[in-house]
Each structure stands twice: as structure tokens, then as C-alpha cells.
């Protein structure tokens, strides 16, 4: 599950560097045999899958986790021209234009791209990025709370502004969090350019709580998560992911028969995550091999139970836990990449003035 906070950060985490006399040959040799992936903190893959990549490619995989998604994107932009790695994974459709406009990636068409559905290839932008996974940003609800209060959970964006849900919703800051931004974009898709601000005025009047990031919202404020219950969270509605209920089941000490949380599917916004070969990569061939590997069935089928996202490649199997406890939204809200690029910054600015008074 992703923890994605947009924080401008100074560069500081280094790679193997060319150093003084007598050591450059060793450094070059080590670099040629190592491919470095820069990602957000939610990157996770089975050890057996990593070992198989290394055996098949001849490259040692080094992973540099660089904070939440937005923080990692911003740091990659700050280090443009002298990148920290060879491949960047984790920029999503809400932030893609920022990365592309700053020339973060160089073109490469990964092997296996033809198996990606056309709808998910919309943001490829001349193969500067490769779609790797999808997910749905949605409001989750605490089943126990709504049962105890004999209250029907919300289903749509409009429901959330109803008086019966006053002071129940916590969301992430759209200026500092990817799921928070996704929720804002979903509301813009639902209510249009002329209606989304009025909608947020209603949410603000209805007691919506805004926190900086997903971890705080889900693990501290949300009463439905195992960690949130321990922390005394009192908000039974949270902006999270359609894949959060399966995670609650899988990580429970004793697996329950049903998920303790549910999804308001009428509030979902489709998120696509991309990987790309960084401009100025020191090991571009290793980077290309890694991008190819991210589209293999082996990696695609390993992702769901590690990063709680859905495969993007046709034919990749989804775990039974996903189909049972947290299926993907059938009709999520979407926005064209150009629409997001043209309006994102102004929408966030307007949202901030409305909600963060």
C-alpha cells in the first residue's frame, strides 16, 4: 500500500561514485554490474523474484527508497542530469506531467509493452515511461462503526457531504499526498470544472478532517484499520485504496472471514504507476533490462501481495484475496493526462484556499 507525500527535498542520497586515482576502474566495474532502482518507500518484491532477475540479467539490483512518491519525484527532478539511479519507479498519473515537463526520463519501449491495455498506455508519452501497475484511490469505511450506529455507509462522492456523515471523513492533503490529490481529481471528474469547488465547500462544512499523508490518515485517524484502532482513531471514513481491505485481512494476526473495512466504489479514482529510464542513467542497459523485467508475468503476479496494486499486463493473475476482499472498481473516475497537466496546480491552489484556511 502506498505512502505518497509530496515534499520538496534536497538531494543527498548518493550512488557509487567515481573517486580518486586508482579506484575509478573498480567503481566502473561495480557500476556496470549493478542497476539502481529509485522508488517510493512502498516498493516491495519477493526475494526469489529479485534473485531470478539478477540471474537472468547478470545485474545486481540495488534499490534506493526515497520517501513517499511525491518526495521521490521531486528529489529526482532536483538531481536531474546526475541521477541517483538508472530507473525510477512510482510516478503516477497525478504527477506524471511534472516529471515529463522536467525531462526526467529518456525514451525506451520495454519488451512486453504490447500486452498493456491501450487505456493504460495513455500516459506513455513517446515511451518515456512504462505503465507497471494500477490501483484505485477510494474512500474506505469501518464496517463495525456503521453496523453499530445502524448507518448505511456512503457510496458516492455526493453522499460524503450528507449531514449523516458529519465529522466522519479524514482525507490527505491534496498538496502533500498522492491519494489526497487523487481524491481531489476524482471530485473534479465527478463534479466538473464548475462544481468541484462547491462540493469541497460542502465537505468542509460537513467536518472533513485533512492530514498530511496516508500513513497518518489510515494508521492514526481511521477507526477501521488495526493500527488506527490501537491509536484511538475516531474517523470511520478514510481516503485510501480499493486494495486496503485485502491488506487488513492478509496482515491480521488471525485471518477473519470477511474484511473489517469496505470500499465506497462510487468514490474511486483510477491511479496508474509508471517506471522510466532516467535521463543520464549511468547504466542504461541495466535499466532497460530492469524495465523489461517489470512487465514479465513473474513480476506482475508478484506485485499484488507485496505492494497491493493490480497488474497492468494482460493475463497476469490476481490473487484470490483481491477478488474476494477488494476487487478493482468497475467504473472508476478518470481524467485525461492533458487535463491533469493543465489544471492540477491551479486546482491544488484553489483547494488549499478552500479547505486549509
Protein backbone atom coordinates (compact mmCIF):
# COMPACT_ATOMS: atom_id res chain seq x y z
CA UNK A 1 0.00 0.00 0.00
CA UNK A 2 1.37 3.32 -1.00
CA UNK A 3 2.51 6.14 1.26
CA UNK A 4 2.91 9.11 -1.03
CA UNK A 5 3.73 12.58 0.26
CA UNK A 6 4.77 15.48 -1.92
CA UNK A 7 7.67 17.16 -0.14
CA UNK A 8 10.38 19.15 -1.85
CA UNK A 9 13.62 17.60 -0.66
CA UNK A 10 17.26 18.33 -1.17
CA UNK A 11 19.40 15.74 -2.86
CA UNK A 12 21.65 13.85 -0.53
CA UNK A 13 21.48 10.09 -1.02
CA UNK A 14 24.39 9.12 -3.24
CA UNK A 15 25.30 6.24 -5.53
CA UNK A 16 28.62 4.59 -6.09
CA UNK A 17 30.78 7.48 -7.22
CA UNK A 18 33.94 7.84 -9.25
CA UNK A 19 36.63 8.76 -6.79
CA UNK A 20 40.34 9.35 -6.67
CA UNK A 21 43.25 7.78 -8.54
CA UNK A 22 43.42 4.02 -8.56
CA UNK A 23 39.71 3.48 -7.68
CA UNK A 24 37.86 4.51 -10.83
CA UNK A 25 38.29 1.15 -12.58
CA UNK A 26 36.82 -0.65 -9.60
CA UNK A 27 33.95 1.82 -9.43
CA UNK A 28 33.22 1.50 -13.14
CA UNK A 29 33.24 -2.30 -12.90
CA UNK A 30 30.88 -2.37 -9.93
CA UNK A 31 28.56 0.14 -11.57
CA UNK A 32 28.42 -1.85 -14.80
CA UNK A 33 27.23 -4.90 -12.84
CA UNK A 34 24.69 -3.00 -10.73
CA UNK A 35 21.39 -1.47 -11.77
CA UNK A 36 19.88 1.01 -9.32
CA UNK A 37 16.16 1.50 -8.94
CA UNK A 38 14.89 4.68 -7.29
CA UNK A 39 11.41 4.33 -5.83
CA UNK A 40 8.99 5.44 -3.14
CA UNK A 41 9.02 3.67 0.20
CA UNK A 42 6.24 1.25 -0.78
CA UNK A 43 8.43 -0.66 -3.24
CA UNK A 44 8.40 -4.35 -2.28
CA UNK A 45 9.16 -7.53 -4.19
CA UNK A 46 9.80 -11.14 -3.20
CA UNK A 47 13.45 -12.09 -2.73
CA UNK A 48 13.05 -15.00 -5.12
CA UNK A 49 11.87 -12.65 -7.86
CA UNK A 50 14.86 -10.34 -7.34
CA UNK A 51 17.24 -13.30 -7.45
CA UNK A 52 15.69 -14.51 -10.68
CA UNK A 53 16.10 -11.07 -12.28
CA UNK A 54 19.73 -10.95 -11.20
CA UNK A 55 20.41 -14.45 -12.50
CA UNK A 56 18.72 -13.83 -15.85
CA UNK A 57 20.10 -10.34 -16.46
CA UNK A 58 23.55 -10.56 -14.90
CA UNK A 59 22.93 -7.32 -12.97
CA UNK A 60 22.79 -6.87 -9.21
CA UNK A 61 19.68 -4.91 -8.24
CA UNK A 62 20.15 -2.02 -5.84
CA UNK A 63 17.02 -0.28 -4.56
CA UNK A 64 17.05 3.28 -3.25
CA UNK A 65 13.81 4.07 -1.42
CA UNK A 66 13.49 7.81 -1.44
CA UNK A 67 10.49 8.66 0.71
CA UNK A 68 6.91 8.91 -0.43
CA UNK A 69 6.10 9.10 -4.13
CA UNK A 70 5.97 12.86 -4.48
CA UNK A 71 9.11 13.33 -2.40
CA UNK A 72 10.91 10.81 -4.59
CA UNK A 73 9.71 12.55 -7.78
CA UNK A 74 10.79 15.96 -6.52
CA UNK A 75 14.21 14.69 -5.47
CA UNK A 76 14.65 13.03 -8.86
CA UNK A 77 13.90 16.37 -10.51
CA UNK A 78 16.40 18.12 -8.24
CA UNK A 79 19.09 15.58 -9.20
CA UNK A 80 18.26 15.65 -12.92
CA UNK A 81 21.40 15.31 -15.01
CA UNK A 82 23.17 13.48 -12.19
CA UNK A 83 20.51 10.92 -11.25
CA UNK A 84 20.70 8.77 -8.16
CA UNK A 85 19.85 5.67 -10.17
CA UNK A 86 19.06 4.18 -13.54
CA UNK A 87 15.32 3.55 -13.31
CA UNK A 88 12.64 5.44 -11.42
CA UNK A 89 9.52 3.57 -10.30
CA UNK A 90 6.42 5.07 -8.75
CA UNK A 91 5.45 8.27 -10.55
CA UNK A 92 1.69 8.08 -11.10
CA UNK A 93 -0.77 9.75 -13.46
CA UNK A 94 -1.47 12.53 -10.95
CA UNK A 95 2.17 13.71 -11.12
CA UNK A 96 3.39 12.36 -14.44
CA UNK A 97 3.34 15.65 -16.32
CA UNK A 98 5.59 17.22 -13.68
CA UNK A 99 8.22 14.54 -14.30
CA UNK A 100 7.88 14.72 -18.09
CA UNK A 101 7.98 18.51 -18.21
CA UNK A 102 11.25 18.42 -16.28
CA UNK A 103 12.84 15.94 -18.70
CA UNK A 104 13.27 13.27 -16.07
CA UNK A 105 13.21 10.29 -18.45
CA UNK A 106 14.75 9.12 -21.71
CA UNK A 107 12.68 7.08 -24.20
CA UNK A 108 12.69 3.29 -24.10
CA UNK A 109 9.97 0.88 -25.23
CA UNK A 110 10.08 -2.00 -22.78
CA UNK A 111 9.65 -5.53 -24.05
CA UNK A 112 6.15 -6.67 -23.23
CA UNK A 113 4.55 -3.24 -23.67
CA UNK A 114 2.19 -4.65 -26.29
CA UNK A 115 0.47 -6.67 -23.54
CA UNK A 116 -0.61 -3.50 -21.73
CA UNK A 117 -4.22 -2.46 -22.47
CA UNK A 118 -4.48 0.72 -24.59
CA UNK A 119 -6.29 2.62 -21.83
CA UNK A 120 -3.31 2.13 -19.50
CA UNK A 121 -0.81 3.17 -22.17
CA UNK A 122 -2.37 6.64 -22.49
CA UNK A 123 0.35 8.35 -20.47
CA UNK A 124 3.38 6.73 -22.07
CA UNK A 125 4.34 9.94 -23.88
CA UNK A 126 6.62 8.52 -26.57
CA UNK A 127 7.72 5.61 -24.38
CA UNK A 128 9.39 7.90 -21.89
CA UNK A 129 7.60 5.91 -19.19
CA UNK A 130 6.24 2.36 -18.92
CA UNK A 131 2.96 1.59 -17.12
CA UNK A 132 3.60 -1.01 -14.42
CA UNK A 133 0.51 -1.22 -12.19
CA UNK A 134 -2.88 0.28 -11.48
CA UNK A 135 -4.86 0.96 -8.34
CA UNK A 136 -7.99 2.73 -7.20
CA UNK A 137 -7.98 5.59 -4.70
CA UNK A 138 -11.28 5.26 -2.85
CA UNK A 139 -12.96 6.05 0.43
CA UNK A 140 -12.78 3.10 2.83
CA UNK A 141 -15.24 2.63 5.70
CA UNK A 142 -15.18 0.92 9.07
CA UNK A 143 -17.85 -1.80 8.87
CA UNK A 144 -18.16 -2.17 12.64
CA UNK A 145 -18.85 1.54 13.14
CA UNK A 146 -21.62 1.67 10.58
CA UNK A 147 -23.17 -1.54 11.89
CA UNK A 148 -23.12 -0.35 15.49
CA UNK A 149 -24.64 3.01 14.53
CA UNK A 150 -27.17 1.42 12.17
CA UNK A 151 -25.95 3.76 9.46
CA UNK A 152 -25.63 2.90 5.77
CA UNK A 153 -22.08 3.54 4.51
CA UNK A 154 -21.66 6.21 1.83
CA UNK A 155 -21.46 5.07 -1.77
CA UNK A 156 -20.68 8.18 -3.80
CA UNK A 157 -18.82 11.49 -3.62
CA UNK A 158 -22.13 13.28 -3.08
CA UNK A 159 -23.04 11.04 -0.14
CA UNK A 160 -19.97 12.20 1.79
CA UNK A 161 -21.40 15.72 2.07
CA UNK A 162 -24.65 14.49 3.65
CA UNK A 163 -25.29 15.59 7.28
CA UNK A 164 -25.43 11.96 8.48
CA UNK A 165 -21.70 11.67 7.73
CA UNK A 166 -20.69 14.87 9.50
CA UNK A 167 -17.24 14.67 11.16
CA UNK A 168 -16.66 11.10 9.93
CA UNK A 169 -14.25 11.57 6.98
CA UNK A 170 -10.49 12.01 7.07
CA UNK A 171 -8.55 12.69 3.88
CA UNK A 172 -4.99 13.56 2.98
CA UNK A 173 -3.75 16.98 1.97
CA UNK A 174 -4.03 17.28 -1.82
CA UNK A 175 -0.88 19.42 -1.82
CA UNK A 176 1.20 16.89 0.13
CA UNK A 177 -0.24 13.47 -0.64
CA UNK A 178 -0.83 11.42 -3.77
CA UNK A 179 -4.06 9.76 -2.52
CA UNK A 180 -5.23 13.17 -1.34
CA UNK A 181 -4.52 14.58 -4.78
CA UNK A 182 -6.22 11.59 -6.40
CA UNK A 183 -9.33 12.19 -4.29
CA UNK A 184 -9.35 15.84 -5.38
CA UNK A 185 -9.00 14.81 -9.03
CA UNK A 186 -11.79 12.29 -8.58
CA UNK A 187 -14.07 15.02 -7.27
CA UNK A 188 -13.13 17.22 -10.24
CA UNK A 189 -14.02 14.35 -12.57
CA UNK A 190 -17.31 13.84 -10.73
CA UNK A 191 -18.48 17.46 -10.49
CA UNK A 192 -16.61 19.16 -13.33
CA UNK A 193 -14.67 22.39 -13.53
CA UNK A 194 -17.61 24.43 -12.28
CA UNK A 195 -18.77 22.14 -9.49
CA UNK A 196 -15.85 20.65 -7.60
CA UNK A 197 -15.13 23.76 -5.52
CA UNK A 198 -18.73 23.93 -4.34
CA UNK A 199 -18.50 20.26 -3.43
CA UNK A 200 -15.43 20.85 -1.26
CA UNK A 201 -17.15 23.75 0.47
CA UNK A 202 -19.86 21.27 1.47
CA UNK A 203 -17.28 18.74 2.67
CA UNK A 204 -15.51 21.42 4.68
CA UNK A 205 -18.80 22.46 6.27
CA UNK A 206 -19.50 18.79 6.98
CA UNK A 207 -16.37 18.44 9.09
CA UNK A 208 -13.88 16.74 6.79
CA UNK A 209 -10.51 16.36 8.52
CA UNK A 210 -7.32 16.90 6.50
CA UNK A 211 -3.95 15.42 7.49
CA UNK A 212 -0.61 15.48 5.71
CA UNK A 213 -0.34 11.94 4.41
CA UNK A 214 -1.79 8.47 4.02
CA UNK A 215 0.04 6.85 6.94
CA UNK A 216 -1.35 9.39 9.39
CA UNK A 217 -4.85 9.19 7.93
CA UNK A 218 -5.01 5.40 7.76
CA UNK A 219 -2.92 4.30 10.73
CA UNK A 220 -3.80 7.03 13.24
CA UNK A 221 -7.14 8.64 12.34
CA UNK A 222 -9.11 5.79 10.73
CA UNK A 223 -11.02 3.63 13.21
CA UNK A 224 -11.26 0.71 10.80
CA UNK A 225 -7.57 -0.17 10.46
CA UNK A 226 -5.92 -2.42 13.03
CA UNK A 227 -3.32 0.27 13.78
CA UNK A 228 -5.95 3.01 13.85
CA UNK A 229 -7.98 1.17 16.46
CA UNK A 230 -4.89 0.84 18.66
CA UNK A 231 -4.12 4.55 18.18
CA UNK A 232 -7.65 5.59 19.12
CA UNK A 233 -8.63 6.68 15.61
CA UNK A 234 -12.19 8.02 15.58
CA UNK A 235 -12.86 8.61 11.88
CA UNK A 236 -14.75 5.70 10.27
CA UNK A 237 -14.22 7.06 6.74
CA UNK A 238 -10.78 7.48 5.14
CA UNK A 239 -9.37 8.14 1.69
CA UNK A 240 -7.29 5.06 0.91
CA UNK A 241 -7.30 2.32 -1.75
CA UNK A 242 -9.61 -0.42 -3.01
CA UNK A 243 -6.81 -2.83 -2.09
CA UNK A 244 -6.76 -1.77 1.58
CA UNK A 245 -9.38 -4.32 2.74
CA UNK A 246 -7.34 -7.29 1.43
CA UNK A 247 -4.33 -5.92 3.29
CA UNK A 248 -6.33 -5.80 6.52
CA UNK A 249 -7.22 -9.47 6.06
CA UNK A 250 -3.78 -10.69 5.00
CA UNK A 251 -1.90 -8.95 7.80
CA UNK A 252 -4.37 -9.81 10.55
CA UNK A 253 -2.94 -12.00 13.33
CA UNK A 254 -5.97 -14.25 12.86
CA UNK A 255 -7.42 -14.09 9.37
CA UNK A 256 -11.09 -13.01 9.56
CA UNK A 257 -13.82 -14.48 7.39
CA UNK A 258 -14.61 -11.04 5.99
CA UNK A 259 -12.65 -7.82 5.70
CA UNK A 260 -13.26 -5.37 8.58
CA UNK A 261 -13.31 -2.50 6.11
CA UNK A 262 -15.25 -1.81 2.94
CA UNK A 263 -14.93 0.39 -0.14
CA UNK A 264 -17.27 3.13 -1.34
CA UNK A 265 -16.82 2.28 -5.00
CA UNK A 266 -18.60 5.41 -6.20
CA UNK A 267 -15.68 7.47 -4.86
CA UNK A 268 -12.86 5.72 -6.75
CA UNK A 269 -10.26 7.38 -8.95
CA UNK A 270 -8.03 5.19 -11.11
CA UNK A 271 -4.30 5.55 -10.49
CA UNK A 272 -1.62 4.24 -12.85
CA UNK A 273 2.01 3.95 -11.77
CA UNK A 274 4.91 4.18 -14.21
CA UNK A 275 8.60 3.41 -14.36
CA UNK A 276 11.12 5.09 -16.62
CA UNK A 277 14.76 5.08 -17.66
CA UNK A 278 16.29 8.14 -16.02
CA UNK A 279 17.98 10.69 -18.26
CA UNK A 280 21.71 10.49 -17.61
CA UNK A 281 21.50 6.95 -16.17
CA UNK A 282 24.97 5.52 -15.61
CA UNK A 283 23.83 2.02 -16.55
CA UNK A 284 21.19 2.46 -19.25
CA UNK A 285 21.49 -1.14 -20.47
CA UNK A 286 20.88 -2.44 -16.98
CA UNK A 287 17.98 -0.03 -16.67
CA UNK A 288 16.43 -1.34 -19.88
CA UNK A 289 16.77 -4.92 -18.63
CA UNK A 290 15.01 -3.94 -15.41
CA UNK A 291 12.16 -2.21 -17.23
CA UNK A 292 11.70 -5.32 -19.36
CA UNK A 293 11.56 -7.43 -16.21
CA UNK A 294 8.86 -5.24 -14.60
CA UNK A 295 6.48 -6.34 -17.37
CA UNK A 296 7.11 -10.07 -17.04
CA UNK A 297 4.32 -12.27 -15.70
CA UNK A 298 6.61 -13.25 -12.83
CA UNK A 299 6.99 -9.70 -11.55
CA UNK A 300 3.43 -8.64 -12.39
CA UNK A 301 1.95 -11.54 -10.43
CA UNK A 302 4.29 -10.91 -7.50
CA UNK A 303 3.21 -7.27 -7.07
CA UNK A 304 -0.32 -7.55 -5.65
CA UNK A 305 0.53 -9.18 -2.33
CA UNK A 306 3.67 -7.08 -1.90
CA UNK A 307 2.59 -3.60 -2.98
CA UNK A 308 -1.18 -4.08 -3.03
CA UNK A 309 -1.64 -2.89 -6.59
CA UNK A 310 -3.09 -4.56 -9.67
CA UNK A 311 -1.05 -5.94 -12.59
CA UNK A 312 -1.13 -3.91 -15.78
CA UNK A 313 -0.20 -6.72 -18.18
CA UNK A 314 -2.98 -8.73 -19.76
CA UNK A 315 -3.20 -12.28 -18.46
CA UNK A 316 -1.36 -11.67 -15.19
CA UNK A 317 -3.24 -13.42 -12.40
CA UNK A 318 -4.70 -11.51 -9.48
CA UNK A 319 -4.63 -13.22 -6.06
CA UNK A 320 -7.89 -14.67 -4.74
CA UNK A 321 -7.67 -12.31 -1.75
CA UNK A 322 -8.06 -9.36 -4.10
CA UNK A 323 -11.10 -10.67 -5.93
CA UNK A 324 -12.72 -11.70 -2.63
CA UNK A 325 -11.93 -8.76 -0.35
CA UNK A 326 -11.04 -5.82 -2.59
CA UNK A 327 -11.83 -6.08 -6.30
CA UNK A 328 -10.85 -3.22 -8.56
CA UNK A 329 -13.50 -0.59 -9.22
CA UNK A 330 -15.63 -1.42 -12.26
CA UNK A 331 -16.19 2.20 -13.25
CA UNK A 332 -13.62 4.45 -11.54
CA UNK A 333 -13.36 8.14 -12.26
CA UNK A 334 -10.56 9.09 -14.63
CA UNK A 335 -9.09 12.24 -16.15
CA UNK A 336 -7.06 12.52 -19.32
CA UNK A 337 -3.33 13.18 -18.72
CA UNK A 338 -3.59 16.50 -20.55
CA UNK A 339 -6.48 17.58 -18.33
CA UNK A 340 -4.49 16.81 -15.21
CA UNK A 341 -1.40 18.57 -16.52
CA UNK A 342 -3.33 21.70 -17.46
CA UNK A 343 -5.27 22.04 -14.22
CA UNK A 344 -3.52 20.20 -11.37
CA UNK A 345 -1.51 23.06 -9.91
CA UNK A 346 -4.38 25.55 -10.04
CA UNK A 347 -6.82 23.01 -8.62
CA UNK A 348 -4.48 22.31 -5.71
CA UNK A 349 -4.01 26.04 -5.10
CA UNK A 350 -7.77 26.62 -5.10
CA UNK A 351 -8.36 23.55 -2.94
CA UNK A 352 -5.82 24.80 -0.41
CA UNK A 353 -7.51 28.18 -0.12
CA UNK A 354 -10.90 26.50 0.34
CA UNK A 355 -10.05 23.77 2.83
CA UNK A 356 -6.87 24.82 4.62
CA UNK A 357 -7.99 28.20 5.83
